[in-house]
Amino acid sequence: MSAVTYARHYCSRQHRTFKAAAACIFGKSPVTGEGQWAFVHEYLCFPEQDRRYSIELYSTEAEAQAEVDRHNGYGKCSGSCAGHRLVRIADLDRLIQVERNTALKEYRRG
């Protein structure tokens, strides 16, 4: 699975850590770890069917890919699981400010 690069975030701040950038990119989703590579777990929140995300950051692509592979080995890890994705967060000096709904719409299309 190849990584998707995210460069868009929602605020005017210059984020100093990838964890802060991921929190901005994915809104209210929980973010753990630190690093430029993310394992993104997408799930549906019942009964509303809203898509939610949990993000685990890793310092290397190999670590994040191993987490994606581990979860994909389960198939769907729970009844609410909507998939797993490998994401690379763009270099912090290359993040682009956008309106709130734009980046998640791109993610859902991706």
PDB file of N, CA and C in Angstrom:
ATOM      1  N   MET A   1       0.856  -1.178   0.000  1.00  0.00           N
ATOM      2  CA  MET A   1       0.000   0.000   0.000  1.00  0.00           C
ATOM      3  C   MET A   1       0.901   1.239   0.000  1.00  0.00           C
ATOM      4  N   SER A   2       0.634   2.147  -0.890  1.00  0.00           N
ATOM      5  CA  SER A   2       1.437   3.360  -0.929  1.00  0.00           C
ATOM      6  C   SER A   2       0.801   4.433  -0.052  1.00  0.00           C
ATOM      7  N   ALA A   3       1.635   5.296   0.430  1.00  0.00           N
ATOM      8  CA  ALA A   3       1.180   6.344   1.334  1.00  0.00           C
ATOM      9  C   ALA A   3       0.568   7.504   0.560  1.00  0.00           C
ATOM     10  N   VAL A   4      -0.406   8.127   1.183  1.00  0.00           N
ATOM     11  CA  VAL A   4      -1.005   9.359   0.689  1.00  0.00           C
ATOM     12  C   VAL A   4      -0.371  10.483   1.499  1.00  0.00           C
ATOM     13  N   THR A   5       0.048  11.574   0.855  1.00  0.00           N
ATOM     14  CA  THR A   5       0.636  12.696   1.580  1.00  0.00           C
ATOM     15  C   THR A   5      -0.420  13.743   1.858  1.00  0.00           C
ATOM     16  N   TYR A   6      -0.486  14.160   3.116  1.00  0.00           N
ATOM     17  CA  TYR A   6      -1.397  15.234   3.514  1.00  0.00           C
ATOM     18  C   TYR A   6      -0.583  16.493   3.777  1.00  0.00           C
ATOM     19  N   ALA A   7      -0.972  17.582   3.135  1.00  0.00           N
ATOM     20  CA  ALA A   7      -0.286  18.846   3.328  1.00  0.00           C
ATOM     21  C   ALA A   7      -1.236  19.933   3.803  1.00  0.00           C
ATOM     22  N   ARG A   8      -2.525  19.644   3.826  1.00  0.00           N
ATOM     23  CA  ARG A   8      -3.516  20.680   4.129  1.00  0.00           C
ATOM     24  C   ARG A   8      -3.967  20.622   5.580  1.00  0.00           C
ATOM     25  N   HIS A   9      -4.060  21.788   6.183  1.00  0.00           N
ATOM     26  CA  HIS A   9      -4.549  21.880   7.558  1.00  0.00           C
ATOM     27  C   HIS A   9      -5.468  23.088   7.667  1.00  0.00           C
ATOM     28  N   TYR A  10      -6.088  23.267   8.820  1.00  0.00           N
ATOM     29  CA  TYR A  10      -7.219  24.188   8.946  1.00  0.00           C
ATOM     30  C   TYR A  10      -6.960  25.509   9.652  1.00  0.00           C
ATOM     31  N   CYS A  11      -5.783  25.732  10.126  1.00  0.00           N
ATOM     32  CA  CYS A  11      -5.582  26.958  10.909  1.00  0.00           C
ATOM     33  C   CYS A  11      -4.421  27.765  10.340  1.00  0.00           C
ATOM     34  N   SER A  12      -4.204  28.918  10.914  1.00  0.00           N
ATOM     35  CA  SER A  12      -3.142  29.800  10.420  1.00  0.00           C
ATOM     36  C   SER A  12      -1.825  29.598  11.173  1.00  0.00           C
ATOM     37  N   ARG A  13      -1.781  28.663  12.095  1.00  0.00           N
ATOM     38  CA  ARG A  13      -0.565  28.430  12.883  1.00  0.00           C
ATOM     39  C   ARG A  13       0.501  27.708  12.069  1.00  0.00           C
ATOM     40  N   GLN A  14       1.734  27.912  12.450  1.00  0.00           N
ATOM     41  CA  GLN A  14       2.857  27.160  11.894  1.00  0.00           C
ATOM     42  C   GLN A  14       3.146  26.038  12.893  1.00  0.00           C
ATOM     43  N   HIS A  15       2.675  24.838  12.606  1.00  0.00           N
ATOM     44  CA  HIS A  15       2.827  23.730  13.549  1.00  0.00           C
ATOM     45  C   HIS A  15       4.292  23.349  13.693  1.00  0.00           C
ATOM     46  N   ARG A  16       4.701  23.090  14.940  1.00  0.00           N
ATOM     47  CA  ARG A  16       6.099  22.754  15.219  1.00  0.00           C
ATOM     48  C   ARG A  16       6.327  21.262  15.371  1.00  0.00           C
ATOM     49  N   THR A  17       5.240  20.493  15.512  1.00  0.00           N
ATOM     50  CA  THR A  17       5.370  19.040  15.616  1.00  0.00           C
ATOM     51  C   THR A  17       4.372  18.373  14.668  1.00  0.00           C
ATOM     52  N   PHE A  18       4.706  17.160  14.278  1.00  0.00           N
ATOM     53  CA  PHE A  18       3.786  16.405  13.422  1.00  0.00           C
ATOM     54  C   PHE A  18       2.515  16.036  14.184  1.00  0.00           C
ATOM     55  N   LYS A  19       2.642  15.859  15.494  1.00  0.00           N
ATOM     56  CA  LYS A  19       1.456  15.550  16.297  1.00  0.00           C
ATOM     57  C   LYS A  19       0.467  16.710  16.255  1.00  0.00           C
ATOM     58  N   ALA A  20       0.958  17.932  16.376  1.00  0.00           N
ATOM     59  CA  ALA A  20       0.089  19.113  16.293  1.00  0.00           C
ATOM     60  C   ALA A  20      -0.509  19.241  14.899  1.00  0.00           C
ATOM     61  N   ALA A  21       0.284  18.976  13.875  1.00  0.00           N
ATOM     62  CA  ALA A  21      -0.222  19.041  12.499  1.00  0.00           C
ATOM     63  C   ALA A  21      -1.304  17.985  12.282  1.00  0.00           C
ATOM     64  N   ALA A  22      -1.086  16.759  12.762  1.00  0.00           N
ATOM     65  CA  ALA A  22      -2.079  15.693  12.601  1.00  0.00           C
ATOM     66  C   ALA A  22      -3.368  16.031  13.333  1.00  0.00           C
ATOM     67  N   ALA A  23      -3.254  16.602  14.532  1.00  0.00           N
ATOM     68  CA  ALA A  23      -4.448  16.989  15.282  1.00  0.00           C
ATOM     69  C   ALA A  23      -5.243  18.040  14.513  1.00  0.00           C
ATOM     70  N   CYS A  24      -4.566  18.944  13.844  1.00  0.00           N
ATOM     71  CA  CYS A  24      -5.229  19.977  13.041  1.00  0.00           C
ATOM     72  C   CYS A  24      -5.857  19.358  11.787  1.00  0.00           C
ATOM     73  N   ILE A  25      -5.128  18.489  11.120  1.00  0.00           N
ATOM     74  CA  ILE A  25      -5.606  17.869   9.889  1.00  0.00           C
ATOM     75  C   ILE A  25      -6.841  17.002  10.142  1.00  0.00           C
ATOM     76  N   PHE A  26      -6.813  16.222  11.207  1.00  0.00           N
ATOM     77  CA  PHE A  26      -7.892  15.272  11.465  1.00  0.00           C
ATOM     78  C   PHE A  26      -8.899  15.758  12.498  1.00  0.00           C
ATOM     79  N   GLY A  27      -8.882  17.028  12.830  1.00  0.00           N
ATOM     80  CA  GLY A  27      -9.898  17.593  13.715  1.00  0.00           C
ATOM     81  C   GLY A  27      -9.847  17.030  15.114  1.00  0.00           C
ATOM     82  N   LYS A  28     -10.962  16.523  15.596  1.00  0.00           N
ATOM     83  CA  LYS A  28     -11.076  16.058  16.977  1.00  0.00           C
ATOM     84  C   LYS A  28     -10.638  14.612  17.171  1.00  0.00           C
ATOM     85  N   SER A  29     -10.039  14.028  16.186  1.00  0.00           N
ATOM     86  CA  SER A  29      -9.606  12.636  16.279  1.00  0.00           C
ATOM     87  C   SER A  29      -8.430  12.498  17.240  1.00  0.00           C
ATOM     88  N   PRO A  30      -8.384  11.395  17.994  1.00  0.00           N
ATOM     89  CA  PRO A  30      -7.249  11.192  18.893  1.00  0.00           C
ATOM     90  C   PRO A  30      -5.967  10.905  18.109  1.00  0.00           C
ATOM     91  N   VAL A  31      -4.872  11.500  18.542  1.00  0.00           N
ATOM     92  CA  VAL A  31      -3.568  11.313  17.904  1.00  0.00           C
ATOM     93  C   VAL A  31      -2.584  10.858  18.972  1.00  0.00           C
ATOM     94  N   THR A  32      -1.884   9.754  18.703  1.00  0.00           N
ATOM     95  CA  THR A  32      -0.849   9.282  19.620  1.00  0.00           C
ATOM     96  C   THR A  32       0.465   9.161  18.871  1.00  0.00           C
ATOM     97  N   GLY A  33       1.557   9.153  19.609  1.00  0.00           N
ATOM     98  CA  GLY A  33       2.875   8.995  19.017  1.00  0.00           C
ATOM     99  C   GLY A  33       3.433  10.302  18.495  1.00  0.00           C
ATOM    100  N   GLU A  34       4.540  10.194  17.777  1.00  0.00           N
ATOM    101  CA  GLU A  34       5.178  11.355  17.164  1.00  0.00           C
ATOM    102  C   GLU A  34       5.923  10.874  15.936  1.00  0.00           C
ATOM    103  N   GLY A  35       5.872  11.648  14.890  1.00  0.00           N
ATOM    104  CA  GLY A  35       6.565  11.307  13.656  1.00  0.00           C
ATOM    105  C   GLY A  35       5.759  11.745  12.455  1.00  0.00           C
ATOM    106  N   GLN A  36       6.364  11.621  11.300  1.00  0.00           N
ATOM    107  CA  GLN A  36       5.777  12.111  10.056  1.00  0.00           C
ATOM    108  C   GLN A  36       4.856  11.081   9.391  1.00  0.00           C
ATOM    109  N   TRP A  37       4.940   9.838   9.800  1.00  0.00           N
ATOM    110  CA  TRP A  37       4.162   8.761   9.180  1.00  0.00           C
ATOM    111  C   TRP A  37       3.025   8.360  10.092  1.00  0.00           C
ATOM    112  N   ALA A  38       1.831   8.188   9.514  1.00  0.00           N
ATOM    113  CA  ALA A  38       0.648   7.910  10.321  1.00  0.00           C
ATOM    114  C   ALA A  38      -0.079   6.655   9.854  1.00  0.00           C
ATOM    115  N   PHE A  39      -0.495   5.861  10.828  1.00  0.00           N
ATOM    116  CA  PHE A  39      -1.459   4.787  10.610  1.00  0.00           C
ATOM    117  C   PHE A  39      -2.809   5.398  10.961  1.00  0.00           C
ATOM    118  N   VAL A  40      -3.711   5.445   9.990  1.00  0.00           N
ATOM    119  CA  VAL A  40      -5.031   6.045  10.196  1.00  0.00           C
ATOM    120  C   VAL A  40      -6.069   4.926  10.193  1.00  0.00           C
ATOM    121  N   HIS A  41      -6.790   4.823  11.293  1.00  0.00           N
ATOM    122  CA  HIS A  41      -7.875   3.848  11.416  1.00  0.00           C
ATOM    123  C   HIS A  41      -9.180   4.621  11.262  1.00  0.00           C
ATOM    124  N   GLU A  42      -9.936   4.276  10.247  1.00  0.00           N
ATOM    125  CA  GLU A  42     -11.215   4.936   9.979  1.00  0.00           C
ATOM    126  C   GLU A  42     -12.328   4.016  10.466  1.00  0.00           C
ATOM    127  N   TYR A  43     -13.290   4.590  11.171  1.00  0.00           N
ATOM    128  CA  TYR A  43     -14.403   3.790  11.658  1.00  0.00           C
ATOM    129  C   TYR A  43     -15.691   4.597  11.638  1.00  0.00           C
ATOM    130  N   LEU A  44     -16.804   3.884  11.679  1.00  0.00           N
ATOM    131  CA  LEU A  44     -18.120   4.512  11.672  1.00  0.00           C
ATOM    132  C   LEU A  44     -18.634   4.585  13.097  1.00  0.00           C
ATOM    133  N   CYS A  45     -19.163   5.724  13.450  1.00  0.00           N
ATOM    134  CA  CYS A  45     -19.725   5.931  14.776  1.00  0.00           C
ATOM    135  C   CYS A  45     -21.237   5.728  14.675  1.00  0.00           C
ATOM    136  N   PHE A  46     -21.742   4.733  15.354  1.00  0.00           N
ATOM    137  CA  PHE A  46     -23.174   4.423  15.294  1.00  0.00           C
ATOM    138  C   PHE A  46     -23.930   5.219  16.339  1.00  0.00           C
ATOM    139  N   PRO A  47     -25.166   5.581  16.183  1.00  0.00           N
ATOM    140  CA  PRO A  47     -26.047   5.282  15.064  1.00  0.00           C
ATOM    141  C   PRO A  47     -25.962   6.318  13.946  1.00  0.00           C
ATOM    142  N   GLU A  48     -25.168   7.366  14.114  1.00  0.00           N
ATOM    143  CA  GLU A  48     -25.138   8.465  13.143  1.00  0.00           C
ATOM    144  C   GLU A  48     -24.428   8.095  11.849  1.00  0.00           C
ATOM    145  N   GLN A  49     -23.604   7.044  11.868  1.00  0.00           N
ATOM    146  CA  GLN A  49     -22.801   6.648  10.708  1.00  0.00           C
ATOM    147  C   GLN A  49     -21.760   7.709  10.337  1.00  0.00           C
ATOM    148  N   ASP A  50     -21.388   8.563  11.284  1.00  0.00           N
ATOM    149  CA  ASP A  50     -20.321   9.533  11.050  1.00  0.00           C
ATOM    150  C   ASP A  50     -18.990   8.801  10.961  1.00  0.00           C
ATOM    151  N   ARG A  51     -18.130   9.263  10.074  1.00  0.00           N
ATOM    152  CA  ARG A  51     -16.787   8.695   9.982  1.00  0.00           C
ATOM    153  C   ARG A  51     -15.905   9.368  11.025  1.00  0.00           C
ATOM    154  N   ARG A  52     -15.173   8.544  11.745  1.00  0.00           N
ATOM    155  CA  ARG A  52     -14.226   9.018  12.754  1.00  0.00           C
ATOM    156  C   ARG A  52     -12.878   8.375  12.470  1.00  0.00           C
ATOM    157  N   TYR A  53     -11.848   8.936  13.069  1.00  0.00           N
ATOM    158  CA  TYR A  53     -10.490   8.477  12.813  1.00  0.00           C
ATOM    159  C   TYR A  53      -9.711   8.399  14.114  1.00  0.00           C
ATOM    160  N   SER A  54      -8.811   7.445  14.193  1.00  0.00           N
ATOM    161  CA  SER A  54      -7.789   7.464  15.238  1.00  0.00           C
ATOM    162  C   SER A  54      -6.455   7.396  14.507  1.00  0.00           C
ATOM    163  N   ILE A  55      -5.503   8.147  15.004  1.00  0.00           N
ATOM    164  CA  ILE A  55      -4.236   8.305  14.307  1.00  0.00           C
ATOM    165  C   ILE A  55      -3.094   7.920  15.228  1.00  0.00           C
ATOM    166  N   GLU A  56      -2.211   7.056  14.725  1.00  0.00           N
ATOM    167  CA  GLU A  56      -0.995   6.695  15.449  1.00  0.00           C
ATOM    168  C   GLU A  56       0.183   7.144  14.589  1.00  0.00           C
ATOM    169  N   LEU A  57       1.041   7.983  15.153  1.00  0.00           N
ATOM    170  CA  LEU A  57       2.185   8.510  14.406  1.00  0.00           C
ATOM    171  C   LEU A  57       3.435   7.673  14.650  1.00  0.00           C
ATOM    172  N   TYR A  58       4.255   7.572  13.609  1.00  0.00           N
ATOM    173  CA  TYR A  58       5.509   6.820  13.667  1.00  0.00           C
ATOM    174  C   TYR A  58       6.609   7.627  12.993  1.00  0.00           C
ATOM    175  N   SER A  59       7.841   7.386  13.411  1.00  0.00           N
ATOM    176  CA  SER A  59       8.951   8.158  12.848  1.00  0.00           C
ATOM    177  C   SER A  59       9.423   7.618  11.496  1.00  0.00           C
ATOM    178  N   THR A  60       9.091   6.371  11.185  1.00  0.00           N
ATOM    179  CA  THR A  60       9.502   5.818   9.895  1.00  0.00           C
ATOM    180  C   THR A  60       8.301   5.242   9.140  1.00  0.00           C
ATOM    181  N   GLU A  61       8.440   5.210   7.832  1.00  0.00           N
ATOM    182  CA  GLU A  61       7.399   4.620   6.995  1.00  0.00           C
ATOM    183  C   GLU A  61       7.240   3.138   7.295  1.00  0.00           C
ATOM    184  N   ALA A  62       8.346   2.451   7.534  1.00  0.00           N
ATOM    185  CA  ALA A  62       8.300   1.010   7.800  1.00  0.00           C
ATOM    186  C   ALA A  62       7.485   0.695   9.050  1.00  0.00           C
ATOM    187  N   GLU A  63       7.651   1.485  10.106  1.00  0.00           N
ATOM    188  CA  GLU A  63       6.884   1.260  11.336  1.00  0.00           C
ATOM    189  C   GLU A  63       5.389   1.458  11.099  1.00  0.00           C
ATOM    190  N   ALA A  64       5.036   2.529  10.407  1.00  0.00           N
ATOM    191  CA  ALA A  64       3.625   2.808  10.132  1.00  0.00           C
ATOM    192  C   ALA A  64       3.041   1.749   9.202  1.00  0.00           C
ATOM    193  N   GLN A  65       3.804   1.336   8.192  1.00  0.00           N
ATOM    194  CA  GLN A  65       3.333   0.308   7.269  1.00  0.00           C
ATOM    195  C   GLN A  65       3.121  -1.013   7.991  1.00  0.00           C
ATOM    196  N   ALA A  66       3.998  -1.342   8.932  1.00  0.00           N
ATOM    197  CA  ALA A  66       3.843  -2.576   9.711  1.00  0.00           C
ATOM    198  C   ALA A  66       2.534  -2.556  10.495  1.00  0.00           C
ATOM    199  N   GLU A  67       2.173  -1.400  11.031  1.00  0.00           N
ATOM    200  CA  GLU A  67       0.907  -1.278  11.773  1.00  0.00           C
ATOM    201  C   GLU A  67      -0.289  -1.438  10.829  1.00  0.00           C
ATOM    202  N   VAL A  68      -0.214  -0.839   9.652  1.00  0.00           N
ATOM    203  CA  VAL A  68      -1.279  -1.005   8.657  1.00  0.00           C
ATOM    204  C   VAL A  68      -1.401  -2.481   8.283  1.00  0.00           C
ATOM    205  N   ASP A  69      -0.287  -3.134   8.001  1.00  0.00           N
ATOM    206  CA  ASP A  69      -0.300  -4.548   7.610  1.00  0.00           C
ATOM    207  C   ASP A  69      -0.857  -5.418   8.729  1.00  0.00           C
ATOM    208  N   ARG A  70      -0.480  -5.106   9.968  1.00  0.00           N
ATOM    209  CA  ARG A  70      -0.970  -5.885  11.112  1.00  0.00           C
ATOM    210  C   ARG A  70      -2.490  -5.790  11.206  1.00  0.00           C
ATOM    211  N   HIS A  71      -3.027  -4.586  11.077  1.00  0.00           N
ATOM    212  CA  HIS A  71      -4.475  -4.407  11.151  1.00  0.00           C
ATOM    213  C   HIS A  71      -5.189  -4.989   9.932  1.00  0.00           C
ATOM    214  N   ASN A  72      -4.599  -4.838   8.761  1.00  0.00           N
ATOM    215  CA  ASN A  72      -5.213  -5.399   7.561  1.00  0.00           C
ATOM    216  C   ASN A  72      -5.227  -6.928   7.604  1.00  0.00           C
ATOM    217  N   GLY A  73      -4.318  -7.509   8.358  1.00  0.00           N
ATOM    218  CA  GLY A  73      -4.303  -8.955   8.533  1.00  0.00           C
ATOM    219  C   GLY A  73      -5.547  -9.469   9.238  1.00  0.00           C
ATOM    220  N   TYR A  74      -6.193  -8.596  10.011  1.00  0.00           N
ATOM    221  CA  TYR A  74      -7.425  -8.967  10.704  1.00  0.00           C
ATOM    222  C   TYR A  74      -8.632  -8.872   9.783  1.00  0.00           C
ATOM    223  N   GLY A  75      -8.471  -8.261   8.631  1.00  0.00           N
ATOM    224  CA  GLY A  75      -9.626  -7.881   7.815  1.00  0.00           C
ATOM    225  C   GLY A  75     -10.192  -6.624   8.445  1.00  0.00           C
ATOM    226  N   LYS A  76     -11.462  -6.616   8.734  1.00  0.00           N
ATOM    227  CA  LYS A  76     -12.042  -5.499   9.481  1.00  0.00           C
ATOM    228  C   LYS A  76     -11.870  -5.839  10.953  1.00  0.00           C
ATOM    229  N   CYS A  77     -11.231  -4.960  11.692  1.00  0.00           N
ATOM    230  CA  CYS A  77     -10.868  -5.284  13.067  1.00  0.00           C
ATOM    231  C   CYS A  77     -12.046  -5.193  14.034  1.00  0.00           C
ATOM    232  N   SER A  78     -13.158  -4.583  13.605  1.00  0.00           N
ATOM    233  CA  SER A  78     -14.362  -4.536  14.429  1.00  0.00           C
ATOM    234  C   SER A  78     -15.546  -4.255  13.508  1.00  0.00           C
ATOM    235  N   GLY A  79     -16.742  -4.326  14.059  1.00  0.00           N
ATOM    236  CA  GLY A  79     -17.930  -4.068  13.259  1.00  0.00           C
ATOM    237  C   GLY A  79     -18.014  -2.646  12.751  1.00  0.00           C
ATOM    238  N   SER A  80     -17.365  -1.718  13.436  1.00  0.00           N
ATOM    239  CA  SER A  80     -17.421  -0.319  13.023  1.00  0.00           C
ATOM    240  C   SER A  80     -16.243   0.089  12.138  1.00  0.00           C
ATOM    241  N   CYS A  81     -15.302  -0.821  11.901  1.00  0.00           N
ATOM    242  CA  CYS A  81     -14.100  -0.513  11.119  1.00  0.00           C
ATOM    243  C   CYS A  81     -14.465  -0.218   9.667  1.00  0.00           C
ATOM    244  N   ALA A  82     -13.933   0.889   9.156  1.00  0.00           N
ATOM    245  CA  ALA A  82     -14.149   1.260   7.753  1.00  0.00           C
ATOM    246  C   ALA A  82     -12.852   1.232   6.964  1.00  0.00           C
ATOM    247  N   GLY A  83     -11.748   0.804   7.581  1.00  0.00           N
ATOM    248  CA  GLY A  83     -10.496   0.664   6.858  1.00  0.00           C
ATOM    249  C   GLY A  83      -9.298   1.283   7.547  1.00  0.00           C
ATOM    250  N   HIS A  84      -8.125   0.999   6.963  1.00  0.00           N
ATOM    251  CA  HIS A  84      -6.846   1.468   7.502  1.00  0.00           C
ATOM    252  C   HIS A  84      -6.063   2.103   6.366  1.00  0.00           C
ATOM    253  N   ARG A  85      -5.288   3.121   6.700  1.00  0.00           N
ATOM    254  CA  ARG A  85      -4.572   3.843   5.657  1.00  0.00           C
ATOM    255  C   ARG A  85      -3.208   4.306   6.173  1.00  0.00           C
ATOM    256  N   LEU A  86      -2.236   4.312   5.274  1.00  0.00           N
ATOM    257  CA  LEU A  86      -0.913   4.848   5.551  1.00  0.00           C
ATOM    258  C   LEU A  86      -0.865   6.275   5.014  1.00  0.00           C
ATOM    259  N   VAL A  87      -0.523   7.230   5.881  1.00  0.00           N
ATOM    260  CA  VAL A  87      -0.495   8.643   5.503  1.00  0.00           C
ATOM    261  C   VAL A  87       0.858   9.233   5.875  1.00  0.00           C
ATOM    262  N   ARG A  88       1.394  10.018   4.975  1.00  0.00           N
ATOM    263  CA  ARG A  88       2.608  10.795   5.253  1.00  0.00           C
ATOM    264  C   ARG A  88       2.174  12.243   5.443  1.00  0.00           C
ATOM    265  N   ILE A  89       2.554  12.829   6.564  1.00  0.00           N
ATOM    266  CA  ILE A  89       2.257  14.243   6.791  1.00  0.00           C
ATOM    267  C   ILE A  89       3.387  15.040   6.155  1.00  0.00           C
ATOM    268  N   ALA A  90       3.027  16.020   5.361  1.00  0.00           N
ATOM    269  CA  ALA A  90       4.025  16.824   4.644  1.00  0.00           C
ATOM    270  C   ALA A  90       4.980  17.493   5.627  1.00  0.00           C
ATOM    271  N   ASP A  91       6.151  17.844   5.128  1.00  0.00           N
ATOM    272  CA  ASP A  91       7.100  18.587   5.961  1.00  0.00           C
ATOM    273  C   ASP A  91       6.385  19.795   6.561  1.00  0.00           C
ATOM    274  N   LEU A  92       6.705  20.097   7.798  1.00  0.00           N
ATOM    275  CA  LEU A  92       5.974  21.134   8.521  1.00  0.00           C
ATOM    276  C   LEU A  92       6.039  22.500   7.842  1.00  0.00           C
ATOM    277  N   ASP A  93       7.125  22.784   7.148  1.00  0.00           N
ATOM    278  CA  ASP A  93       7.224  24.075   6.459  1.00  0.00           C
ATOM    279  C   ASP A  93       6.496  24.070   5.110  1.00  0.00           C
ATOM    280  N   ARG A  94       5.864  22.969   4.755  1.00  0.00           N
ATOM    281  CA  ARG A  94       5.140  22.862   3.486  1.00  0.00           C
ATOM    282  C   ARG A  94       3.634  22.658   3.659  1.00  0.00           C
ATOM    283  N   LEU A  95       3.138  22.782   4.877  1.00  0.00           N
ATOM    284  CA  LEU A  95       1.703  22.638   5.113  1.00  0.00           C
ATOM    285  C   LEU A  95       0.946  23.804   4.488  1.00  0.00           C
ATOM    286  N   ILE A  96      -0.252  23.537   3.997  1.00  0.00           N
ATOM    287  CA  ILE A  96      -1.065  24.531   3.298  1.00  0.00           C
ATOM    288  C   ILE A  96      -2.352  24.754   4.082  1.00  0.00           C
ATOM    289  N   GLN A  97      -2.678  26.001   4.342  1.00  0.00           N
ATOM    290  CA  GLN A  97      -3.910  26.326   5.062  1.00  0.00           C
ATOM    291  C   GLN A  97      -5.103  26.266   4.120  1.00  0.00           C
ATOM    292  N   VAL A  98      -6.176  25.570   4.540  1.00  0.00           N
ATOM    293  CA  VAL A  98      -7.401  25.462   3.748  1.00  0.00           C
ATOM    294  C   VAL A  98      -8.613  25.602   4.671  1.00  0.00           C
ATOM    295  N   GLU A  99      -9.789  25.682   4.061  1.00  0.00           N
ATOM    296  CA  GLU A  99     -11.018  25.724   4.844  1.00  0.00           C
ATOM    297  C   GLU A  99     -11.284  24.367   5.468  1.00  0.00           C
ATOM    298  N   ARG A 100     -12.065  24.331   6.519  1.00  0.00           N
ATOM    299  CA  ARG A 100     -12.276  23.165   7.362  1.00  0.00           C
ATOM    300  C   ARG A 100     -12.695  21.886   6.638  1.00  0.00           C
ATOM    301  N   ASN A 101     -13.640  21.903   5.756  1.00  0.00           N
ATOM    302  CA  ASN A 101     -14.175  20.681   5.181  1.00  0.00           C
ATOM    303  C   ASN A 101     -13.378  20.138   3.998  1.00  0.00           C
ATOM    304  N   THR A 102     -12.452  20.888   3.477  1.00  0.00           N
ATOM    305  CA  THR A 102     -11.751  20.496   2.250  1.00  0.00           C
ATOM    306  C   THR A 102     -10.899  19.246   2.421  1.00  0.00           C
ATOM    307  N   ALA A 103     -10.056  19.181   3.440  1.00  0.00           N
ATOM    308  CA  ALA A 103      -9.110  18.076   3.568  1.00  0.00           C
ATOM    309  C   ALA A 103      -9.810  16.754   3.843  1.00  0.00           C
ATOM    310  N   LEU A 104     -10.824  16.721   4.689  1.00  0.00           N
ATOM    311  CA  LEU A 104     -11.509  15.458   4.956  1.00  0.00           C
ATOM    312  C   LEU A 104     -12.273  14.978   3.737  1.00  0.00           C
ATOM    313  N   LYS A 105     -12.798  15.902   2.934  1.00  0.00           N
ATOM    314  CA  LYS A 105     -13.447  15.489   1.695  1.00  0.00           C
ATOM    315  C   LYS A 105     -12.433  14.807   0.789  1.00  0.00           C
ATOM    316  N   GLU A 106     -11.219  15.352   0.712  1.00  0.00           N
ATOM    317  CA  GLU A 106     -10.164  14.737  -0.097  1.00  0.00           C
ATOM    318  C   GLU A 106      -9.812  13.366   0.441  1.00  0.00           C
ATOM    319  N   TYR A 107      -9.749  13.238   1.780  1.00  0.00           N
ATOM    320  CA  TYR A 107      -9.410  11.962   2.381  1.00  0.00           C
ATOM    321  C   TYR A 107     -10.440  10.908   2.002  1.00  0.00           C
ATOM    322  N   ARG A 108     -11.705  11.272   2.094  1.00  0.00           N
ATOM    323  CA  ARG A 108     -12.775  10.330   1.797  1.00  0.00           C
ATOM    324  C   ARG A 108     -12.771   9.912   0.325  1.00  0.00           C
ATOM    325  N   ARG A 109     -12.338  10.810  -0.550  1.00  0.00           N
ATOM    326  CA  ARG A 109     -12.235  10.464  -1.980  1.00  0.00           C
ATOM    327  C   ARG A 109     -11.023   9.591  -2.254  1.00  0.00           C
ATOM    328  N   GLY A 110      -9.960   9.777  -1.431  1.00  0.00           N
ATOM    329  CA  GLY A 110      -8.677   9.132  -1.664  1.00  0.00           C
ATOM    330  C   GLY A 110      -8.735   7.663  -1.650  1.00  0.00           C
TER     331      GLY A 110
END
